[in-house]
Amino acid sequence: MAITRKKPIYLKLVDRIKNEVANDILSAHDQLPSVREMALEEKINPNTVAKAYKELEKQNVIETIPGKGTFVTRNTQNIKILNRKQLIDNLAEAIDKLQKNGIETDKIKKIIAGILGGKDAKN
């Protein structure tokens, strides 16, 4: 039986916020909900939100200004670049898993072409 790697909730929140910045859902200087508000919205523990916010601050995605709130930083372009790199790394990992499961390169190319073309790529 394979060991599954389950991502912690705080990292899922980190990824979601970074994706929202990368996809222009959140822009530079946008204010995020307070820890308590985000916890209520997401139905998660406030400590989990605080941990996610702390990680996002460490990565320079957000900044907290005491008495004012938490805001997206100005370096959204860097966040977009890093997000694209992560997506490419994820794709490379998925392709590697397909190859390790015996799926040949030509079949993988057909699957990807089908996905990009909107065709049924499951066969």
PDB file of N, CA and C in Angstrom:
ATOM      1  N   MET A   1       0.842  -1.179   0.000  1.00  0.00           N
ATOM      2  CA  MET A   1       0.000   0.000   0.000  1.00  0.00           C
ATOM      3  C   MET A   1       0.892   1.249   0.000  1.00  0.00           C
ATOM      4  N   ALA A   2       0.584   2.170  -0.878  1.00  0.00           N
ATOM      5  CA  ALA A   2       1.380   3.387  -1.007  1.00  0.00           C
ATOM      6  C   ALA A   2       1.040   4.366   0.112  1.00  0.00           C
ATOM      7  N   ILE A   3       2.042   5.086   0.546  1.00  0.00           N
ATOM      8  CA  ILE A   3       1.842   6.117   1.550  1.00  0.00           C
ATOM      9  C   ILE A   3       1.423   7.386   0.821  1.00  0.00           C
ATOM     10  N   THR A   4       0.288   7.926   1.224  1.00  0.00           N
ATOM     11  CA  THR A   4      -0.174   9.156   0.582  1.00  0.00           C
ATOM     12  C   THR A   4       0.321  10.354   1.376  1.00  0.00           C
ATOM     13  N   ARG A   5       0.681  11.365   0.657  1.00  0.00           N
ATOM     14  CA  ARG A   5       1.187  12.588   1.270  1.00  0.00           C
ATOM     15  C   ARG A   5       0.061  13.613   1.267  1.00  0.00           C
ATOM     16  N   LYS A   6      -0.498  13.829   2.432  1.00  0.00           N
ATOM     17  CA  LYS A   6      -1.600  14.775   2.554  1.00  0.00           C
ATOM     18  C   LYS A   6      -1.031  16.135   2.951  1.00  0.00           C
ATOM     19  N   LYS A   7      -1.407  17.151   2.223  1.00  0.00           N
ATOM     20  CA  LYS A   7      -0.896  18.501   2.464  1.00  0.00           C
ATOM     21  C   LYS A   7      -1.643  19.133   3.646  1.00  0.00           C
ATOM     22  N   PRO A   8      -0.903  19.740   4.583  1.00  0.00           N
ATOM     23  CA  PRO A   8      -1.547  20.410   5.709  1.00  0.00           C
ATOM     24  C   PRO A   8      -2.463  21.545   5.238  1.00  0.00           C
ATOM     25  N   ILE A   9      -3.510  21.799   6.015  1.00  0.00           N
ATOM     26  CA  ILE A   9      -4.505  22.813   5.656  1.00  0.00           C
ATOM     27  C   ILE A   9      -3.870  24.186   5.496  1.00  0.00           C
ATOM     28  N   TYR A  10      -2.932  24.530   6.378  1.00  0.00           N
ATOM     29  CA  TYR A  10      -2.337  25.864   6.282  1.00  0.00           C
ATOM     30  C   TYR A  10      -1.590  26.036   4.964  1.00  0.00           C
ATOM     31  N   LEU A  11      -0.957  24.966   4.470  1.00  0.00           N
ATOM     32  CA  LEU A  11      -0.252  25.053   3.184  1.00  0.00           C
ATOM     33  C   LEU A  11      -1.227  25.132   2.020  1.00  0.00           C
ATOM     34  N   LYS A  12      -2.380  24.493   2.162  1.00  0.00           N
ATOM     35  CA  LYS A  12      -3.417  24.629   1.130  1.00  0.00           C
ATOM     36  C   LYS A  12      -3.889  26.079   1.041  1.00  0.00           C
ATOM     37  N   LEU A  13      -4.031  26.715   2.196  1.00  0.00           N
ATOM     38  CA  LEU A  13      -4.429  28.123   2.217  1.00  0.00           C
ATOM     39  C   LEU A  13      -3.333  29.006   1.626  1.00  0.00           C
ATOM     40  N   VAL A  14      -2.087  28.717   1.954  1.00  0.00           N
ATOM     41  CA  VAL A  14      -0.949  29.443   1.383  1.00  0.00           C
ATOM     42  C   VAL A  14      -0.987  29.340  -0.138  1.00  0.00           C
ATOM     43  N   ASP A  15      -1.133  28.128  -0.645  1.00  0.00           N
ATOM     44  CA  ASP A  15      -1.168  27.912  -2.099  1.00  0.00           C
ATOM     45  C   ASP A  15      -2.334  28.653  -2.743  1.00  0.00           C
ATOM     46  N   ARG A  16      -3.491  28.604  -2.095  1.00  0.00           N
ATOM     47  CA  ARG A  16      -4.661  29.271  -2.671  1.00  0.00           C
ATOM     48  C   ARG A  16      -4.456  30.777  -2.769  1.00  0.00           C
ATOM     49  N   ILE A  17      -3.924  31.370  -1.726  1.00  0.00           N
ATOM     50  CA  ILE A  17      -3.703  32.817  -1.749  1.00  0.00           C
ATOM     51  C   ILE A  17      -2.648  33.170  -2.793  1.00  0.00           C
ATOM     52  N   LYS A  18      -1.584  32.385  -2.880  1.00  0.00           N
ATOM     53  CA  LYS A  18      -0.558  32.639  -3.897  1.00  0.00           C
ATOM     54  C   LYS A  18      -1.138  32.503  -5.299  1.00  0.00           C
ATOM     55  N   ASN A  19      -2.010  31.516  -5.510  1.00  0.00           N
ATOM     56  CA  ASN A  19      -2.656  31.353  -6.812  1.00  0.00           C
ATOM     57  C   ASN A  19      -3.571  32.526  -7.125  1.00  0.00           C
ATOM     58  N   GLU A  20      -4.257  33.039  -6.114  1.00  0.00           N
ATOM     59  CA  GLU A  20      -5.135  34.190  -6.335  1.00  0.00           C
ATOM     60  C   GLU A  20      -4.323  35.425  -6.713  1.00  0.00           C
ATOM     61  N   VAL A  21      -3.142  35.567  -6.138  1.00  0.00           N
ATOM     62  CA  VAL A  21      -2.260  36.677  -6.527  1.00  0.00           C
ATOM     63  C   VAL A  21      -1.757  36.452  -7.949  1.00  0.00           C
ATOM     64  N   ALA A  22      -1.320  35.234  -8.237  1.00  0.00           N
ATOM     65  CA  ALA A  22      -0.772  34.918  -9.562  1.00  0.00           C
ATOM     66  C   ALA A  22      -1.809  35.083 -10.667  1.00  0.00           C
ATOM     67  N   ASN A  23      -3.076  34.866 -10.340  1.00  0.00           N
ATOM     68  CA  ASN A  23      -4.142  34.961 -11.341  1.00  0.00           C
ATOM     69  C   ASN A  23      -4.913  36.277 -11.270  1.00  0.00           C
ATOM     70  N   ASP A  24      -4.315  37.276 -10.607  1.00  0.00           N
ATOM     71  CA  ASP A  24      -4.882  38.626 -10.511  1.00  0.00           C
ATOM     72  C   ASP A  24      -6.256  38.681  -9.848  1.00  0.00           C
ATOM     73  N   ILE A  25      -6.562  37.691  -9.028  1.00  0.00           N
ATOM     74  CA  ILE A  25      -7.775  37.754  -8.213  1.00  0.00           C
ATOM     75  C   ILE A  25      -7.493  38.683  -7.030  1.00  0.00           C
ATOM     76  N   LEU A  26      -6.268  38.578  -6.519  1.00  0.00           N
ATOM     77  CA  LEU A  26      -5.772  39.509  -5.504  1.00  0.00           C
ATOM     78  C   LEU A  26      -4.660  40.328  -6.144  1.00  0.00           C
ATOM     79  N   SER A  27      -4.662  41.625  -5.887  1.00  0.00           N
ATOM     80  CA  SER A  27      -3.649  42.524  -6.449  1.00  0.00           C
ATOM     81  C   SER A  27      -2.803  43.127  -5.342  1.00  0.00           C
ATOM     82  N   ALA A  28      -1.711  43.766  -5.748  1.00  0.00           N
ATOM     83  CA  ALA A  28      -0.858  44.463  -4.786  1.00  0.00           C
ATOM     84  C   ALA A  28      -1.706  45.424  -3.962  1.00  0.00           C
ATOM     85  N   HIS A  29      -1.445  45.435  -2.675  1.00  0.00           N
ATOM     86  CA  HIS A  29      -2.097  46.316  -1.704  1.00  0.00           C
ATOM     87  C   HIS A  29      -3.517  45.910  -1.338  1.00  0.00           C
ATOM     88  N   ASP A  30      -4.041  44.809  -1.913  1.00  0.00           N
ATOM     89  CA  ASP A  30      -5.369  44.337  -1.498  1.00  0.00           C
ATOM     90  C   ASP A  30      -5.292  43.855  -0.051  1.00  0.00           C
ATOM     91  N   GLN A  31      -6.341  44.147   0.694  1.00  0.00           N
ATOM     92  CA  GLN A  31      -6.382  43.711   2.081  1.00  0.00           C
ATOM     93  C   GLN A  31      -7.014  42.335   2.186  1.00  0.00           C
ATOM     94  N   LEU A  32      -6.384  41.481   2.974  1.00  0.00           N
ATOM     95  CA  LEU A  32      -6.920  40.153   3.254  1.00  0.00           C
ATOM     96  C   LEU A  32      -7.807  40.240   4.495  1.00  0.00           C
ATOM     97  N   PRO A  33      -8.708  39.282   4.650  1.00  0.00           N
ATOM     98  CA  PRO A  33      -9.509  39.254   5.878  1.00  0.00           C
ATOM     99  C   PRO A  33      -8.598  39.064   7.098  1.00  0.00           C
ATOM    100  N   SER A  34      -9.072  39.512   8.253  1.00  0.00           N
ATOM    101  CA  SER A  34      -8.313  39.272   9.485  1.00  0.00           C
ATOM    102  C   SER A  34      -8.226  37.757   9.706  1.00  0.00           C
ATOM    103  N   VAL A  35      -7.340  37.362  10.588  1.00  0.00           N
ATOM    104  CA  VAL A  35      -7.188  35.933  10.900  1.00  0.00           C
ATOM    105  C   VAL A  35      -8.531  35.351  11.330  1.00  0.00           C
ATOM    106  N   ARG A  36      -9.203  36.054  12.207  1.00  0.00           N
ATOM    107  CA  ARG A  36     -10.497  35.565  12.711  1.00  0.00           C
ATOM    108  C   ARG A  36     -11.540  35.473  11.593  1.00  0.00           C
ATOM    109  N   GLU A  37     -11.611  36.507  10.740  1.00  0.00           N
ATOM    110  CA  GLU A  37     -12.571  36.510   9.629  1.00  0.00           C
ATOM    111  C   GLU A  37     -12.279  35.375   8.647  1.00  0.00           C
ATOM    112  N   MET A  38     -10.996  35.188   8.309  1.00  0.00           N
ATOM    113  CA  MET A  38     -10.619  34.119   7.381  1.00  0.00           C
ATOM    114  C   MET A  38     -10.954  32.758   7.974  1.00  0.00           C
ATOM    115  N   ALA A  39     -10.708  32.597   9.270  1.00  0.00           N
ATOM    116  CA  ALA A  39     -11.021  31.327   9.931  1.00  0.00           C
ATOM    117  C   ALA A  39     -12.515  31.027   9.852  1.00  0.00           C
ATOM    118  N   LEU A  40     -13.331  32.043  10.061  1.00  0.00           N
ATOM    119  CA  LEU A  40     -14.781  31.853   9.965  1.00  0.00           C
ATOM    120  C   LEU A  40     -15.204  31.532   8.532  1.00  0.00           C
ATOM    121  N   GLU A  41     -14.648  32.262   7.557  1.00  0.00           N
ATOM    122  CA  GLU A  41     -14.973  32.027   6.139  1.00  0.00           C
ATOM    123  C   GLU A  41     -14.601  30.618   5.713  1.00  0.00           C
ATOM    124  N   GLU A  42     -13.412  30.180   6.123  1.00  0.00           N
ATOM    125  CA  GLU A  42     -12.881  28.885   5.678  1.00  0.00           C
ATOM    126  C   GLU A  42     -13.288  27.728   6.587  1.00  0.00           C
ATOM    127  N   LYS A  43     -13.911  28.066   7.726  1.00  0.00           N
ATOM    128  CA  LYS A  43     -14.318  27.057   8.710  1.00  0.00           C
ATOM    129  C   LYS A  43     -13.116  26.244   9.201  1.00  0.00           C
ATOM    130  N   ILE A  44     -12.048  26.980   9.528  1.00  0.00           N
ATOM    131  CA  ILE A  44     -10.837  26.366  10.065  1.00  0.00           C
ATOM    132  C   ILE A  44     -10.408  27.109  11.324  1.00  0.00           C
ATOM    133  N   ASN A  45      -9.495  26.517  12.055  1.00  0.00           N
ATOM    134  CA  ASN A  45      -8.998  27.094  13.292  1.00  0.00           C
ATOM    135  C   ASN A  45      -8.219  28.388  13.012  1.00  0.00           C
ATOM    136  N   PRO A  46      -8.430  29.428  13.817  1.00  0.00           N
ATOM    137  CA  PRO A  46      -7.674  30.674  13.625  1.00  0.00           C
ATOM    138  C   PRO A  46      -6.153  30.463  13.675  1.00  0.00           C
ATOM    139  N   ASN A  47      -5.690  29.502  14.473  1.00  0.00           N
ATOM    140  CA  ASN A  47      -4.247  29.223  14.529  1.00  0.00           C
ATOM    141  C   ASN A  47      -3.725  28.739  13.184  1.00  0.00           C
ATOM    142  N   THR A  48      -4.569  28.025  12.439  1.00  0.00           N
ATOM    143  CA  THR A  48      -4.186  27.536  11.107  1.00  0.00           C
ATOM    144  C   THR A  48      -4.032  28.715  10.153  1.00  0.00           C
ATOM    145  N   VAL A  49      -4.957  29.657  10.227  1.00  0.00           N
ATOM    146  CA  VAL A  49      -4.879  30.861   9.387  1.00  0.00           C
ATOM    147  C   VAL A  49      -3.639  31.669   9.759  1.00  0.00           C
ATOM    148  N   ALA A  50      -3.406  31.825  11.063  1.00  0.00           N
ATOM    149  CA  ALA A  50      -2.234  32.587  11.517  1.00  0.00           C
ATOM    150  C   ALA A  50      -0.949  31.946  11.009  1.00  0.00           C
ATOM    151  N   LYS A  51      -0.895  30.627  11.017  1.00  0.00           N
ATOM    152  CA  LYS A  51       0.289  29.914  10.513  1.00  0.00           C
ATOM    153  C   LYS A  51       0.449  30.147   9.014  1.00  0.00           C
ATOM    154  N   ALA A  52      -0.655  30.132   8.272  1.00  0.00           N
ATOM    155  CA  ALA A  52      -0.610  30.386   6.823  1.00  0.00           C
ATOM    156  C   ALA A  52      -0.146  31.813   6.554  1.00  0.00           C
ATOM    157  N   TYR A  53      -0.697  32.773   7.277  1.00  0.00           N
ATOM    158  CA  TYR A  53      -0.307  34.168   7.107  1.00  0.00           C
ATOM    159  C   TYR A  53       1.169  34.361   7.427  1.00  0.00           C
ATOM    160  N   LYS A  54       1.642  33.688   8.472  1.00  0.00           N
ATOM    161  CA  LYS A  54       3.055  33.802   8.847  1.00  0.00           C
ATOM    162  C   LYS A  54       3.936  33.258   7.714  1.00  0.00           C
ATOM    163  N   GLU A  55       3.530  32.141   7.116  1.00  0.00           N
ATOM    164  CA  GLU A  55       4.283  31.564   5.994  1.00  0.00           C
ATOM    165  C   GLU A  55       4.258  32.504   4.788  1.00  0.00           C
ATOM    166  N   LEU A  56       3.116  33.093   4.516  1.00  0.00           N
ATOM    167  CA  LEU A  56       3.002  34.032   3.393  1.00  0.00           C
ATOM    168  C   LEU A  56       3.848  35.280   3.624  1.00  0.00           C
ATOM    169  N   GLU A  57       3.936  35.728   4.859  1.00  0.00           N
ATOM    170  CA  GLU A  57       4.808  36.863   5.181  1.00  0.00           C
ATOM    171  C   GLU A  57       6.265  36.481   4.962  1.00  0.00           C
ATOM    172  N   LYS A  58       6.622  35.285   5.383  1.00  0.00           N
ATOM    173  CA  LYS A  58       7.992  34.783   5.206  1.00  0.00           C
ATOM    174  C   LYS A  58       8.372  34.733   3.726  1.00  0.00           C
ATOM    175  N   GLN A  59       7.385  34.419   2.877  1.00  0.00           N
ATOM    176  CA  GLN A  59       7.613  34.336   1.435  1.00  0.00           C
ATOM    177  C   GLN A  59       7.414  35.688   0.742  1.00  0.00           C
ATOM    178  N   ASN A  60       7.181  36.738   1.512  1.00  0.00           N
ATOM    179  CA  ASN A  60       6.969  38.096   0.993  1.00  0.00           C
ATOM    180  C   ASN A  60       5.773  38.206   0.051  1.00  0.00           C
ATOM    181  N   VAL A  61       4.739  37.435   0.339  1.00  0.00           N
ATOM    182  CA  VAL A  61       3.511  37.513  -0.439  1.00  0.00           C
ATOM    183  C   VAL A  61       2.578  38.536   0.200  1.00  0.00           C
ATOM    184  N   ILE A  62       2.578  38.569   1.529  1.00  0.00           N
ATOM    185  CA  ILE A  62       1.734  39.507   2.261  1.00  0.00           C
ATOM    186  C   ILE A  62       2.565  40.228   3.316  1.00  0.00           C
ATOM    187  N   GLU A  63       1.997  41.304   3.830  1.00  0.00           N
ATOM    188  CA  GLU A  63       2.617  42.008   4.952  1.00  0.00           C
ATOM    189  C   GLU A  63       1.514  42.461   5.896  1.00  0.00           C
ATOM    190  N   THR A  64       1.802  42.389   7.176  1.00  0.00           N
ATOM    191  CA  THR A  64       0.843  42.815   8.180  1.00  0.00           C
ATOM    192  C   THR A  64       1.291  44.157   8.742  1.00  0.00           C
ATOM    193  N   ILE A  65       0.383  45.106   8.712  1.00  0.00           N
ATOM    194  CA  ILE A  65       0.650  46.430   9.257  1.00  0.00           C
ATOM    195  C   ILE A  65      -0.182  46.541  10.537  1.00  0.00           C
ATOM    196  N   PRO A  66       0.508  46.596  11.686  1.00  0.00           N
ATOM    197  CA  PRO A  66      -0.223  46.645  12.960  1.00  0.00           C
ATOM    198  C   PRO A  66      -1.257  47.769  12.981  1.00  0.00           C
ATOM    199  N   GLY A  67      -2.454  47.410  13.406  1.00  0.00           N
ATOM    200  CA  GLY A  67      -3.535  48.386  13.502  1.00  0.00           C
ATOM    201  C   GLY A  67      -4.273  48.642  12.209  1.00  0.00           C
ATOM    202  N   LYS A  68      -3.732  48.143  11.086  1.00  0.00           N
ATOM    203  CA  LYS A  68      -4.372  48.378   9.780  1.00  0.00           C
ATOM    204  C   LYS A  68      -4.858  47.084   9.135  1.00  0.00           C
ATOM    205  N   GLY A  69      -4.060  46.025   9.197  1.00  0.00           N
ATOM    206  CA  GLY A  69      -4.467  44.764   8.605  1.00  0.00           C
ATOM    207  C   GLY A  69      -3.353  44.076   7.837  1.00  0.00           C
ATOM    208  N   THR A  70      -3.759  43.082   7.066  1.00  0.00           N
ATOM    209  CA  THR A  70      -2.832  42.279   6.279  1.00  0.00           C
ATOM    210  C   THR A  70      -3.091  42.541   4.799  1.00  0.00           C
ATOM    211  N   PHE A  71      -2.010  42.817   4.062  1.00  0.00           N
ATOM    212  CA  PHE A  71      -2.125  43.245   2.665  1.00  0.00           C
ATOM    213  C   PHE A  71      -1.199  42.452   1.758  1.00  0.00           C
ATOM    214  N   VAL A  72      -1.590  42.329   0.495  1.00  0.00           N
ATOM    215  CA  VAL A  72      -0.725  41.731  -0.526  1.00  0.00           C
ATOM    216  C   VAL A  72       0.416  42.709  -0.785  1.00  0.00           C
ATOM    217  N   THR A  73       1.631  42.181  -0.877  1.00  0.00           N
ATOM    218  CA  THR A  73       2.795  43.039  -1.110  1.00  0.00           C
ATOM    219  C   THR A  73       2.833  43.525  -2.560  1.00  0.00           C
ATOM    220  N   ARG A  74       3.805  44.387  -2.830  1.00  0.00           N
ATOM    221  CA  ARG A  74       3.949  44.954  -4.177  1.00  0.00           C
ATOM    222  C   ARG A  74       4.587  43.982  -5.167  1.00  0.00           C
ATOM    223  N   ASN A  75       5.253  42.943  -4.689  1.00  0.00           N
ATOM    224  CA  ASN A  75       6.032  42.080  -5.585  1.00  0.00           C
ATOM    225  C   ASN A  75       5.184  40.977  -6.227  1.00  0.00           C
ATOM    226  N   THR A  76       4.018  41.343  -6.738  1.00  0.00           N
ATOM    227  CA  THR A  76       3.133  40.338  -7.329  1.00  0.00           C
ATOM    228  C   THR A  76       3.741  39.678  -8.569  1.00  0.00           C
ATOM    229  N   GLN A  77       4.588  40.382  -9.293  1.00  0.00           N
ATOM    230  CA  GLN A  77       5.202  39.791 -10.491  1.00  0.00           C
ATOM    231  C   GLN A  77       6.091  38.606 -10.111  1.00  0.00           C
ATOM    232  N   ASN A  78       6.857  38.744  -9.026  1.00  0.00           N
ATOM    233  CA  ASN A  78       7.696  37.636  -8.562  1.00  0.00           C
ATOM    234  C   ASN A  78       6.846  36.448  -8.136  1.00  0.00           C
ATOM    235  N   ILE A  79       5.721  36.728  -7.513  1.00  0.00           N
ATOM    236  CA  ILE A  79       4.810  35.667  -7.078  1.00  0.00           C
ATOM    237  C   ILE A  79       4.272  34.925  -8.295  1.00  0.00           C
ATOM    238  N   LYS A  80       3.929  35.669  -9.342  1.00  0.00           N
ATOM    239  CA  LYS A  80       3.428  35.048 -10.573  1.00  0.00           C
ATOM    240  C   LYS A  80       4.487  34.145 -11.197  1.00  0.00           C
ATOM    241  N   ILE A  81       5.728  34.605 -11.234  1.00  0.00           N
ATOM    242  CA  ILE A  81       6.825  33.808 -11.801  1.00  0.00           C
ATOM    243  C   ILE A  81       7.026  32.537 -10.997  1.00  0.00           C
ATOM    244  N   LEU A  82       7.048  32.663  -9.676  1.00  0.00           N
ATOM    245  CA  LEU A  82       7.242  31.489  -8.818  1.00  0.00           C
ATOM    246  C   LEU A  82       6.074  30.521  -8.931  1.00  0.00           C
ATOM    247  N   ASN A  83       4.862  31.053  -9.065  1.00  0.00           N
ATOM    248  CA  ASN A  83       3.695  30.192  -9.218  1.00  0.00           C
ATOM    249  C   ASN A  83       3.774  29.398 -10.519  1.00  0.00           C
ATOM    250  N   ARG A  84       4.167  30.045 -11.600  1.00  0.00           N
ATOM    251  CA  ARG A  84       4.311  29.338 -12.880  1.00  0.00           C
ATOM    252  C   ARG A  84       5.371  28.257 -12.788  1.00  0.00           C
ATOM    253  N   LYS A  85       6.474  28.572 -12.121  1.00  0.00           N
ATOM    254  CA  LYS A  85       7.539  27.585 -11.946  1.00  0.00           C
ATOM    255  C   LYS A  85       7.012  26.380 -11.162  1.00  0.00           C
ATOM    256  N   GLN A  86       6.231  26.636 -10.116  1.00  0.00           N
ATOM    257  CA  GLN A  86       5.667  25.542  -9.321  1.00  0.00           C
ATOM    258  C   GLN A  86       4.722  24.691 -10.161  1.00  0.00           C
ATOM    259  N   LEU A  87       3.905  25.333 -10.995  1.00  0.00           N
ATOM    260  CA  LEU A  87       2.992  24.587 -11.861  1.00  0.00           C
ATOM    261  C   LEU A  87       3.753  23.711 -12.846  1.00  0.00           C
ATOM    262  N   ILE A  88       4.844  24.239 -13.391  1.00  0.00           N
ATOM    263  CA  ILE A  88       5.668  23.455 -14.320  1.00  0.00           C
ATOM    264  C   ILE A  88       6.314  22.284 -13.587  1.00  0.00           C
ATOM    265  N   ASP A  89       6.795  22.534 -12.366  1.00  0.00           N
ATOM    266  CA  ASP A  89       7.365  21.448 -11.562  1.00  0.00           C
ATOM    267  C   ASP A  89       6.326  20.367 -11.279  1.00  0.00           C
ATOM    268  N   ASN A  90       5.090  20.780 -10.993  1.00  0.00           N
ATOM    269  CA  ASN A  90       4.008  19.819 -10.749  1.00  0.00           C
ATOM    270  C   ASN A  90       3.723  18.987 -11.995  1.00  0.00           C
ATOM    271  N   LEU A  91       3.739  19.638 -13.152  1.00  0.00           N
ATOM    272  CA  LEU A  91       3.521  18.927 -14.409  1.00  0.00           C
ATOM    273  C   LEU A  91       4.640  17.923 -14.657  1.00  0.00           C
ATOM    274  N   ALA A  92       5.877  18.349 -14.415  1.00  0.00           N
ATOM    275  CA  ALA A  92       7.020  17.451 -14.603  1.00  0.00           C
ATOM    276  C   ALA A  92       6.914  16.241 -13.676  1.00  0.00           C
ATOM    277  N   GLU A  93       6.465  16.474 -12.453  1.00  0.00           N
ATOM    278  CA  GLU A  93       6.297  15.371 -11.493  1.00  0.00           C
ATOM    279  C   GLU A  93       5.203  14.409 -11.954  1.00  0.00           C
ATOM    280  N   ALA A  94       4.109  14.956 -12.485  1.00  0.00           N
ATOM    281  CA  ALA A  94       3.018  14.112 -12.981  1.00  0.00           C
ATOM    282  C   ALA A  94       3.473  13.283 -14.177  1.00  0.00           C
ATOM    283  N   ILE A  95       4.228  13.896 -15.072  1.00  0.00           N
ATOM    284  CA  ILE A  95       4.752  13.167 -16.236  1.00  0.00           C
ATOM    285  C   ILE A  95       5.692  12.057 -15.779  1.00  0.00           C
ATOM    286  N   ASP A  96       6.535  12.356 -14.808  1.00  0.00           N
ATOM    287  CA  ASP A  96       7.446  11.347 -14.265  1.00  0.00           C
ATOM    288  C   ASP A  96       6.664  10.165 -13.688  1.00  0.00           C
ATOM    289  N   LYS A  97       5.568  10.436 -12.971  1.00  0.00           N
ATOM    290  CA  LYS A  97       4.739   9.367 -12.399  1.00  0.00           C
ATOM    291  C   LYS A  97       4.100   8.526 -13.502  1.00  0.00           C
ATOM    292  N   LEU A  98       3.648   9.195 -14.575  1.00  0.00           N
ATOM    293  CA  LEU A  98       3.067   8.456 -15.697  1.00  0.00           C
ATOM    294  C   LEU A  98       4.097   7.517 -16.314  1.00  0.00           C
ATOM    295  N   GLN A  99       5.311   8.027 -16.503  1.00  0.00           N
ATOM    296  CA  GLN A  99       6.371   7.199 -17.083  1.00  0.00           C
ATOM    297  C   GLN A  99       6.729   6.032 -16.171  1.00  0.00           C
ATOM    298  N   LYS A 100       6.785   6.268 -14.879  1.00  0.00           N
ATOM    299  CA  LYS A 100       7.094   5.197 -13.923  1.00  0.00           C
ATOM    300  C   LYS A 100       6.000   4.145 -13.869  1.00  0.00           C
ATOM    301  N   ASN A 101       4.790   4.525 -14.307  1.00  0.00           N
ATOM    302  CA  ASN A 101       3.683   3.578 -14.361  1.00  0.00           C
ATOM    303  C   ASN A 101       3.544   2.934 -15.737  1.00  0.00           C
ATOM    304  N   GLY A 102       4.592   3.072 -16.557  1.00  0.00           N
ATOM    305  CA  GLY A 102       4.646   2.359 -17.822  1.00  0.00           C
ATOM    306  C   GLY A 102       3.974   3.037 -18.999  1.00  0.00           C
ATOM    307  N   ILE A 103       3.582   4.259 -18.851  1.00  0.00           N
ATOM    308  CA  ILE A 103       2.947   4.960 -19.970  1.00  0.00           C
ATOM    309  C   ILE A 103       4.047   5.587 -20.814  1.00  0.00           C
ATOM    310  N   GLU A 104       4.032   5.251 -22.091  1.00  0.00           N
ATOM    311  CA  GLU A 104       5.095   5.694 -22.991  1.00  0.00           C
ATOM    312  C   GLU A 104       4.973   7.182 -23.329  1.00  0.00           C
ATOM    313  N   THR A 105       6.104   7.759 -23.712  1.00  0.00           N
ATOM    314  CA  THR A 105       6.183   9.187 -24.011  1.00  0.00           C
ATOM    315  C   THR A 105       5.170   9.619 -25.063  1.00  0.00           C
ATOM    316  N   ASP A 106       5.024   8.826 -26.127  1.00  0.00           N
ATOM    317  CA  ASP A 106       4.061   9.182 -27.178  1.00  0.00           C
ATOM    318  C   ASP A 106       2.634   9.241 -26.636  1.00  0.00           C
ATOM    319  N   LYS A 107       2.300   8.310 -25.756  1.00  0.00           N
ATOM    320  CA  LYS A 107       0.960   8.301 -25.160  1.00  0.00           C
ATOM    321  C   LYS A 107       0.766   9.529 -24.268  1.00  0.00           C
ATOM    322  N   ILE A 108       1.810   9.896 -23.526  1.00  0.00           N
ATOM    323  CA  ILE A 108       1.737  11.091 -22.666  1.00  0.00           C
ATOM    324  C   ILE A 108       1.527  12.333 -23.529  1.00  0.00           C
ATOM    325  N   LYS A 109       2.245  12.412 -24.652  1.00  0.00           N
ATOM    326  CA  LYS A 109       2.080  13.553 -25.554  1.00  0.00           C
ATOM    327  C   LYS A 109       0.650  13.621 -26.093  1.00  0.00           C
ATOM    328  N   LYS A 110       0.064  12.466 -26.413  1.00  0.00           N
ATOM    329  CA  LYS A 110      -1.317  12.436 -26.901  1.00  0.00           C
ATOM    330  C   LYS A 110      -2.292  12.881 -25.814  1.00  0.00           C
ATOM    331  N   ILE A 111      -2.020  12.455 -24.582  1.00  0.00           N
ATOM    332  CA  ILE A 111      -2.876  12.860 -23.463  1.00  0.00           C
ATOM    333  C   ILE A 111      -2.833  14.375 -23.296  1.00  0.00           C
ATOM    334  N   ILE A 112      -1.622  14.921 -23.306  1.00  0.00           N
ATOM    335  CA  ILE A 112      -1.467  16.374 -23.136  1.00  0.00           C
ATOM    336  C   ILE A 112      -2.106  17.119 -24.302  1.00  0.00           C
ATOM    337  N   ALA A 113      -1.883  16.628 -25.517  1.00  0.00           N
ATOM    338  CA  ALA A 113      -2.494  17.263 -26.690  1.00  0.00           C
ATOM    339  C   ALA A 113      -4.016  17.218 -26.587  1.00  0.00           C
ATOM    340  N   GLY A 114      -4.547  16.106 -26.093  1.00  0.00           N
ATOM    341  CA  GLY A 114      -5.987  15.986 -25.925  1.00  0.00           C
ATOM    342  C   GLY A 114      -6.522  16.963 -24.895  1.00  0.00           C
ATOM    343  N   ILE A 115      -5.778  17.114 -23.813  1.00  0.00           N
ATOM    344  CA  ILE A 115      -6.199  18.067 -22.778  1.00  0.00           C
ATOM    345  C   ILE A 115      -6.172  19.482 -23.332  1.00  0.00           C
ATOM    346  N   LEU A 116      -5.114  19.823 -24.031  1.00  0.00           N
ATOM    347  CA  LEU A 116      -4.990  21.175 -24.596  1.00  0.00           C
ATOM    348  C   LEU A 116      -6.020  21.411 -25.691  1.00  0.00           C
ATOM    349  N   GLY A 117      -6.375  20.353 -26.403  1.00  0.00           N
ATOM    350  CA  GLY A 117      -7.358  20.485 -27.473  1.00  0.00           C
ATOM    351  C   GLY A 117      -8.785  20.324 -27.000  1.00  0.00           C
ATOM    352  N   GLY A 118      -8.952  20.018 -25.708  1.00  0.00           N
ATOM    353  CA  GLY A 118     -10.280  19.875 -25.161  1.00  0.00           C
ATOM    354  C   GLY A 118     -10.937  18.548 -25.490  1.00  0.00           C
ATOM    355  N   LYS A 119     -10.155  17.609 -26.021  1.00  0.00           N
ATOM    356  CA  LYS A 119     -10.697  16.302 -26.367  1.00  0.00           C
ATOM    357  C   LYS A 119     -10.612  15.370 -25.166  1.00  0.00           C
ATOM    358  N   ASP A 120     -11.323  14.260 -25.246  1.00  0.00           N
ATOM    359  CA  ASP A 120     -11.255  13.257 -24.200  1.00  0.00           C
ATOM    360  C   ASP A 120      -9.889  12.598 -24.257  1.00  0.00           C
ATOM    361  N   ALA A 121      -9.067  12.829 -23.236  1.00  0.00           N
ATOM    362  CA  ALA A 121      -7.693  12.354 -23.241  1.00  0.00           C
ATOM    363  C   ALA A 121      -7.506  11.150 -22.325  1.00  0.00           C
ATOM    364  N   LYS A 122      -8.561  10.492 -21.933  1.00  0.00           N
ATOM    365  CA  LYS A 122      -8.449   9.390 -20.977  1.00  0.00           C
ATOM    366  C   LYS A 122      -8.077   8.072 -21.625  1.00  0.00           C
ATOM    367  N   ASN A 123      -8.216   7.957 -22.917  1.00  0.00           N
ATOM    368  CA  ASN A 123      -7.940   6.662 -23.588  1.00  0.00           C
ATOM    369  C   ASN A 123      -6.482   6.468 -23.860  1.00  0.00           C
TER     370      ASN A 123
END
